[in-house]
Amino acid sequence: YEFITYEKSDHIARLTLNRPNSRNAINPPMQLELWDALIDFRNDPDAWVVILTGAGDRAFCAGMDLKWRSEHPDEELPWTQSYASNPHSAGPVGSLPTELWKPVIAAVNGYAVGGGMEITLHCDVVIASENARFGVPEIRNAGAFPGGGGIYRLPRQVPYKVAMWMLLSGEFMSAQYMHTIGYVNEVVPPDKLLETAERYAQLLCGNPPIGVQTAKEIALRTLDLPIDHPPTAWQYQWDGIASRMRSSEDAEEGRRAWLEKRKPVFRNR
């Protein structure tokens, strides 16, 4: 990889956007690398959690690299024709692979704006440094809107009035404010950011991975479905998805370890 770093150990993948001199702004080649690494993570049975962060202390990600676009005006973007009809192929800046049921932890240092904010909307846990800033300034800066899915996801993850203000004004929000509304899990000093993200990842790795992935899949698939009338959400829980968890080796190991008062050894089977 040229624009990211990607490594795996102890069931944790660590993926860093690595263009610090450009505030980790994402150009199309970098977006393809990001997708490739996350597909590898999704398909690796020995990788259970991923920590996603940005190099340097100025920005997690400043969104799409508009300079690259101005320098390549005639080059067709690799996702122009494919993403809407096939979300399993690489999508625009701000989007990540869909049906990624493994936990994704964002460790946000500095600015997470535009496509960078949209990336955090894909994450299950957001740890932010005290200097982090969140925003979707497309309407103010580019006469556009968040095209990587942020315009759909933001109103689903923060209160409506907050989402509308962010979308319509383009104003940035502090890490502390995003924590008060429940978007950020924890705000920490910059030098504690990766240490805290690792702690969260290790805690998740202490649980059976099949159980963690099943819980995430059911929660996301049923997020906008009715619970009881008709029983759509319950069908997702009991008609197949959860059965793989209940009948798994890890589930049996978890029950046995609890009875034997020992630490379980999970194998993602």
Protein backbone atom coordinates (compact mmCIF):
# COMPACT_ATOMS: atom_id res chain seq x y z
CA TYR A 1 0.00 0.00 0.00
CA GLU A 2 1.18 3.51 -0.85
CA PHE A 3 -1.35 5.69 0.95
CA ILE A 4 -2.36 3.59 3.96
CA THR A 5 -0.68 1.28 6.45
CA TYR A 6 -2.35 -1.97 7.39
CA GLU A 7 -1.23 -4.61 9.88
CA LYS A 8 -2.82 -7.38 11.93
CA SER A 9 -1.88 -9.05 15.20
CA ASP A 10 -3.69 -10.66 18.13
CA HIS A 11 -7.03 -10.59 16.24
CA ILE A 12 -6.83 -6.78 15.84
CA ALA A 13 -6.32 -5.05 12.49
CA ARG A 14 -4.86 -1.55 12.51
CA LEU A 15 -5.49 0.62 9.47
CA THR A 16 -3.99 4.12 9.18
CA LEU A 17 -4.78 6.72 6.53
CA ASN A 18 -1.25 7.81 5.71
CA ARG A 19 -1.10 11.13 3.90
CA PRO A 20 -0.41 13.44 6.86
CA ASN A 21 0.94 16.27 4.69
CA SER A 22 -2.47 16.40 2.98
CA ARG A 23 -4.40 16.00 6.24
CA ASN A 24 -5.07 12.43 5.11
CA ALA A 25 -7.37 13.63 2.35
CA ILE A 26 -8.43 10.69 0.21
CA ASN A 27 -7.70 10.52 -3.52
CA PRO A 28 -9.15 7.70 -5.65
CA PRO A 29 -6.05 5.44 -5.43
CA MET A 30 -6.11 5.78 -1.64
CA GLN A 31 -9.84 5.00 -1.56
CA LEU A 32 -9.23 1.79 -3.51
CA GLU A 33 -6.48 0.80 -1.05
CA LEU A 34 -8.79 1.50 1.89
CA TRP A 35 -11.49 -0.73 0.43
CA ASP A 36 -9.02 -3.48 -0.41
CA ALA A 37 -7.69 -3.56 3.15
CA LEU A 38 -11.16 -3.59 4.69
CA ILE A 39 -12.30 -6.40 2.38
CA ASP A 40 -9.22 -8.35 3.50
CA PHE A 41 -10.18 -7.66 7.12
CA ARG A 42 -13.77 -8.71 6.47
CA ASN A 43 -12.66 -11.99 4.92
CA ASP A 44 -9.97 -12.91 7.46
CA PRO A 45 -11.46 -15.23 10.12
CA ASP A 46 -8.55 -14.48 12.46
CA ALA A 47 -9.14 -10.69 12.39
CA TRP A 48 -11.98 -9.71 14.75
CA VAL A 49 -11.77 -5.93 15.25
CA VAL A 50 -10.26 -3.08 13.22
CA ILE A 51 -8.95 0.25 14.50
CA LEU A 52 -9.12 2.99 11.87
CA THR A 53 -7.10 6.18 12.38
CA GLY A 54 -5.15 8.87 10.56
CA ALA A 55 -1.42 9.59 10.54
CA GLY A 56 -0.20 12.71 12.32
CA ASP A 57 -2.03 14.93 14.76
CA ARG A 58 -3.68 17.46 12.41
CA ALA A 59 -6.43 15.33 10.93
CA PHE A 60 -8.08 11.94 11.01
CA CYS A 61 -9.23 12.65 7.45
CA ALA A 62 -10.06 15.91 5.66
CA GLY A 63 -12.36 14.17 3.16
CA MET A 64 -11.90 13.94 -0.57
CA ASP A 65 -8.68 15.31 -2.05
CA LEU A 66 -10.11 18.17 -4.12
CA LYS A 67 -6.62 19.10 -5.35
CA TRP A 68 -6.27 15.65 -6.95
CA ARG A 69 -9.62 16.16 -8.68
CA SER A 70 -8.57 19.53 -10.08
CA GLU A 71 -5.32 17.99 -11.36
CA HIS A 72 -7.14 15.07 -13.04
CA PRO A 73 -10.28 16.72 -14.45
CA ASP A 74 -10.75 14.21 -17.25
CA GLU A 75 -10.01 11.04 -15.30
CA GLU A 76 -13.12 8.98 -14.60
CA LEU A 77 -13.61 8.14 -10.94
CA PRO A 78 -13.42 4.38 -10.34
CA TRP A 79 -16.79 4.27 -8.56
CA THR A 80 -18.85 6.53 -10.84
CA GLN A 81 -20.77 3.76 -12.58
CA SER A 82 -20.55 0.85 -10.18
CA TYR A 83 -21.24 1.78 -6.56
CA ALA A 84 -24.97 2.57 -6.68
CA SER A 85 -25.79 -0.74 -8.34
CA ASN A 86 -23.13 -2.82 -6.59
CA PRO A 87 -22.21 -1.57 -3.10
CA HIS A 88 -19.70 -4.41 -2.76
CA SER A 89 -17.42 -2.62 -5.20
CA ALA A 90 -15.42 0.44 -4.17
CA GLY A 91 -17.61 3.42 -3.42
CA PRO A 92 -16.97 7.17 -3.27
CA VAL A 93 -14.85 8.85 -0.61
CA GLY A 94 -16.61 8.56 2.73
CA SER A 95 -18.07 5.15 2.05
CA LEU A 96 -16.76 1.84 3.36
CA PRO A 97 -17.64 -1.75 2.44
CA THR A 98 -21.14 -2.78 3.39
CA GLU A 99 -22.12 -5.93 5.30
CA LEU A 100 -19.02 -5.52 7.47
CA TRP A 101 -20.28 -7.15 10.66
CA LYS A 102 -16.99 -7.05 12.54
CA PRO A 103 -16.54 -4.07 14.90
CA VAL A 104 -14.88 -0.95 13.50
CA ILE A 105 -13.30 1.49 15.95
CA ALA A 106 -12.41 5.01 14.83
CA ALA A 107 -9.54 6.72 16.66
CA VAL A 108 -10.09 10.34 15.63
CA ASN A 109 -7.20 12.78 15.88
CA GLY A 110 -7.81 16.31 14.62
CA TYR A 111 -10.29 16.98 11.83
CA ALA A 112 -12.80 14.37 10.69
CA VAL A 113 -14.66 16.39 8.10
CA GLY A 114 -16.44 15.74 4.81
CA GLY A 115 -15.62 12.21 3.76
CA GLY A 116 -13.64 11.83 6.99
CA MET A 117 -16.79 12.44 9.03
CA GLU A 118 -18.64 10.02 6.76
CA ILE A 119 -16.05 7.32 7.50
CA THR A 120 -16.72 7.71 11.23
CA LEU A 121 -20.44 7.26 10.51
CA HIS A 122 -19.59 3.71 9.40
CA CYS A 123 -17.78 2.97 12.67
CA ASP A 124 -19.34 1.29 15.69
CA VAL A 125 -17.17 3.04 18.28
CA VAL A 126 -15.60 6.50 18.06
CA ILE A 127 -12.73 7.49 20.35
CA ALA A 128 -11.74 11.14 19.90
CA SER A 129 -8.78 13.17 21.02
CA GLU A 130 -9.49 16.46 22.73
CA ASN A 131 -8.54 18.36 19.57
CA ALA A 132 -10.89 16.42 17.28
CA ARG A 133 -13.43 18.27 15.15
CA PHE A 134 -16.35 16.78 13.22
CA GLY A 135 -18.24 18.29 10.31
CA VAL A 136 -19.79 17.95 6.87
CA PRO A 137 -18.87 21.27 5.20
CA GLU A 138 -19.69 20.25 1.62
CA ILE A 139 -22.62 22.66 1.22
CA ARG A 140 -20.47 25.56 2.40
CA ASN A 141 -17.18 24.70 0.74
CA ALA A 142 -18.16 22.92 -2.46
CA GLY A 143 -21.81 23.73 -3.08
CA ALA A 144 -22.57 20.04 -2.61
CA PHE A 145 -23.75 17.58 0.03
CA PRO A 146 -22.06 14.58 1.70
CA GLY A 147 -22.02 12.17 -1.24
CA GLY A 148 -20.49 9.17 0.53
CA GLY A 149 -23.67 8.34 2.42
CA GLY A 150 -23.37 10.95 5.15
CA ILE A 151 -26.58 12.69 4.20
CA TYR A 152 -28.43 9.43 5.01
CA ARG A 153 -26.43 8.25 8.00
CA LEU A 154 -26.02 11.49 9.96
CA PRO A 155 -29.74 11.96 10.78
CA ARG A 156 -29.83 8.32 11.93
CA GLN A 157 -26.93 8.71 14.38
CA VAL A 158 -27.33 12.15 15.96
CA PRO A 159 -30.44 14.11 17.00
CA TYR A 160 -32.37 15.52 14.05
CA LYS A 161 -31.76 19.19 14.90
CA VAL A 162 -28.03 18.57 15.27
CA ALA A 163 -27.90 16.67 11.97
CA MET A 164 -29.76 19.43 10.14
CA TRP A 165 -27.50 22.15 11.55
CA MET A 166 -24.37 20.24 10.56
CA LEU A 167 -25.68 19.48 7.07
CA LEU A 168 -27.08 22.93 6.32
CA SER A 169 -24.47 25.14 7.99
CA GLY A 170 -21.27 23.18 7.44
CA GLU A 171 -20.14 24.15 10.95
CA PHE A 172 -17.63 21.95 12.79
CA MET A 173 -18.45 20.38 16.17
CA SER A 174 -15.98 19.73 18.96
CA ALA A 175 -15.18 16.29 20.32
CA GLN A 176 -16.66 17.30 23.66
CA TYR A 177 -19.95 18.36 22.07
CA MET A 178 -20.18 15.17 19.99
CA HIS A 179 -19.62 13.22 23.19
CA THR A 180 -22.50 14.99 24.95
CA ILE A 181 -24.91 13.94 22.18
CA GLY A 182 -23.69 10.34 22.23
CA TYR A 183 -21.80 10.25 18.94
CA VAL A 184 -18.34 9.94 20.53
CA ASN A 185 -17.82 7.17 23.09
CA GLU A 186 -14.87 8.76 24.89
CA VAL A 187 -12.74 11.90 24.65
CA VAL A 188 -9.09 11.50 25.66
CA PRO A 189 -5.82 13.46 25.50
CA PRO A 190 -4.09 13.07 22.12
CA ASP A 191 -1.29 10.94 23.58
CA LYS A 192 -3.87 8.48 24.97
CA LEU A 193 -5.89 8.08 21.76
CA LEU A 194 -4.44 4.87 20.30
CA GLU A 195 -3.92 3.37 23.74
CA THR A 196 -7.62 3.85 24.48
CA ALA A 197 -8.69 2.45 21.10
CA GLU A 198 -6.52 -0.61 21.73
CA ARG A 199 -8.19 -1.09 25.11
CA TYR A 200 -11.63 -1.05 23.49
CA ALA A 201 -10.48 -3.47 20.79
CA GLN A 202 -8.98 -5.88 23.32
CA LEU A 203 -12.19 -5.83 25.35
CA LEU A 204 -14.19 -6.75 22.23
CA CYS A 205 -11.71 -9.51 21.42
CA GLY A 206 -12.44 -10.99 24.85
CA ASN A 207 -15.97 -11.79 23.66
CA PRO A 208 -16.84 -14.57 21.21
CA PRO A 209 -16.37 -13.05 17.73
CA ILE A 210 -19.34 -14.90 16.26
CA GLY A 211 -21.54 -13.45 18.98
CA VAL A 212 -20.19 -9.92 18.43
CA GLN A 213 -20.67 -10.14 14.67
CA THR A 214 -24.16 -11.63 15.00
CA ALA A 215 -25.23 -8.87 17.38
CA LYS A 216 -23.97 -6.17 15.02
CA GLU A 217 -25.56 -7.74 11.95
CA ILE A 218 -28.98 -8.15 13.54
CA ALA A 219 -28.88 -4.64 15.03
CA LEU A 220 -28.03 -3.01 11.69
CA ARG A 221 -30.29 -5.12 9.49
CA THR A 222 -33.31 -4.42 11.69
CA LEU A 223 -32.57 -0.79 12.55
CA ASP A 224 -35.44 0.65 10.50
CA LEU A 225 -37.78 -2.35 10.67
CA PRO A 226 -40.84 -2.73 12.88
CA ILE A 227 -40.30 -4.96 15.88
CA ASP A 228 -43.64 -6.68 16.41
CA HIS A 229 -46.16 -5.83 13.67
CA PRO A 230 -45.24 -7.52 11.39
CA PRO A 231 -42.57 -9.50 13.26
CA THR A 232 -39.85 -8.57 10.79
CA ALA A 233 -37.10 -7.76 13.28
CA TRP A 234 -37.75 -10.95 15.23
CA GLN A 235 -37.50 -12.95 12.00
CA TYR A 236 -33.99 -11.61 11.42
CA GLN A 237 -33.03 -12.63 14.93
CA TRP A 238 -34.37 -16.16 14.93
CA ASP A 239 -34.67 -17.24 11.29
CA GLY A 240 -31.09 -18.22 10.58
CA ILE A 241 -28.79 -15.35 11.53
CA ALA A 242 -28.66 -16.05 15.26
CA SER A 243 -28.62 -19.82 14.86
CA ARG A 244 -24.98 -19.77 13.75
CA MET A 245 -24.11 -18.11 17.05
CA ARG A 246 -26.16 -20.41 19.30
CA SER A 247 -24.78 -23.56 17.68
CA SER A 248 -21.18 -22.37 17.32
CA GLU A 249 -18.10 -23.82 19.01
CA ASP A 250 -17.43 -20.41 20.56
CA ALA A 251 -20.86 -20.30 22.18
CA GLU A 252 -20.29 -23.73 23.71
CA GLU A 253 -16.81 -22.70 24.84
CA GLY A 254 -18.21 -19.54 26.45
CA ARG A 255 -20.80 -21.54 28.41
CA ARG A 256 -18.24 -24.16 29.44
CA ALA A 257 -15.68 -21.54 30.54
CA TRP A 258 -18.31 -19.74 32.63
CA LEU A 259 -19.24 -22.96 34.40
CA GLU A 260 -15.58 -23.87 34.92
CA LYS A 261 -14.72 -20.32 36.10
CA ARG A 262 -11.90 -19.82 33.59
CA LYS A 263 -11.12 -17.48 30.73
CA PRO A 264 -12.63 -18.74 27.45
CA VAL A 265 -10.51 -19.48 24.39
CA PHE A 266 -12.44 -18.37 21.33
CA ARG A 267 -11.57 -19.54 17.80
CA ASN A 268 -14.22 -17.75 15.70
CA ARG A 269 -15.86 -21.08 14.87
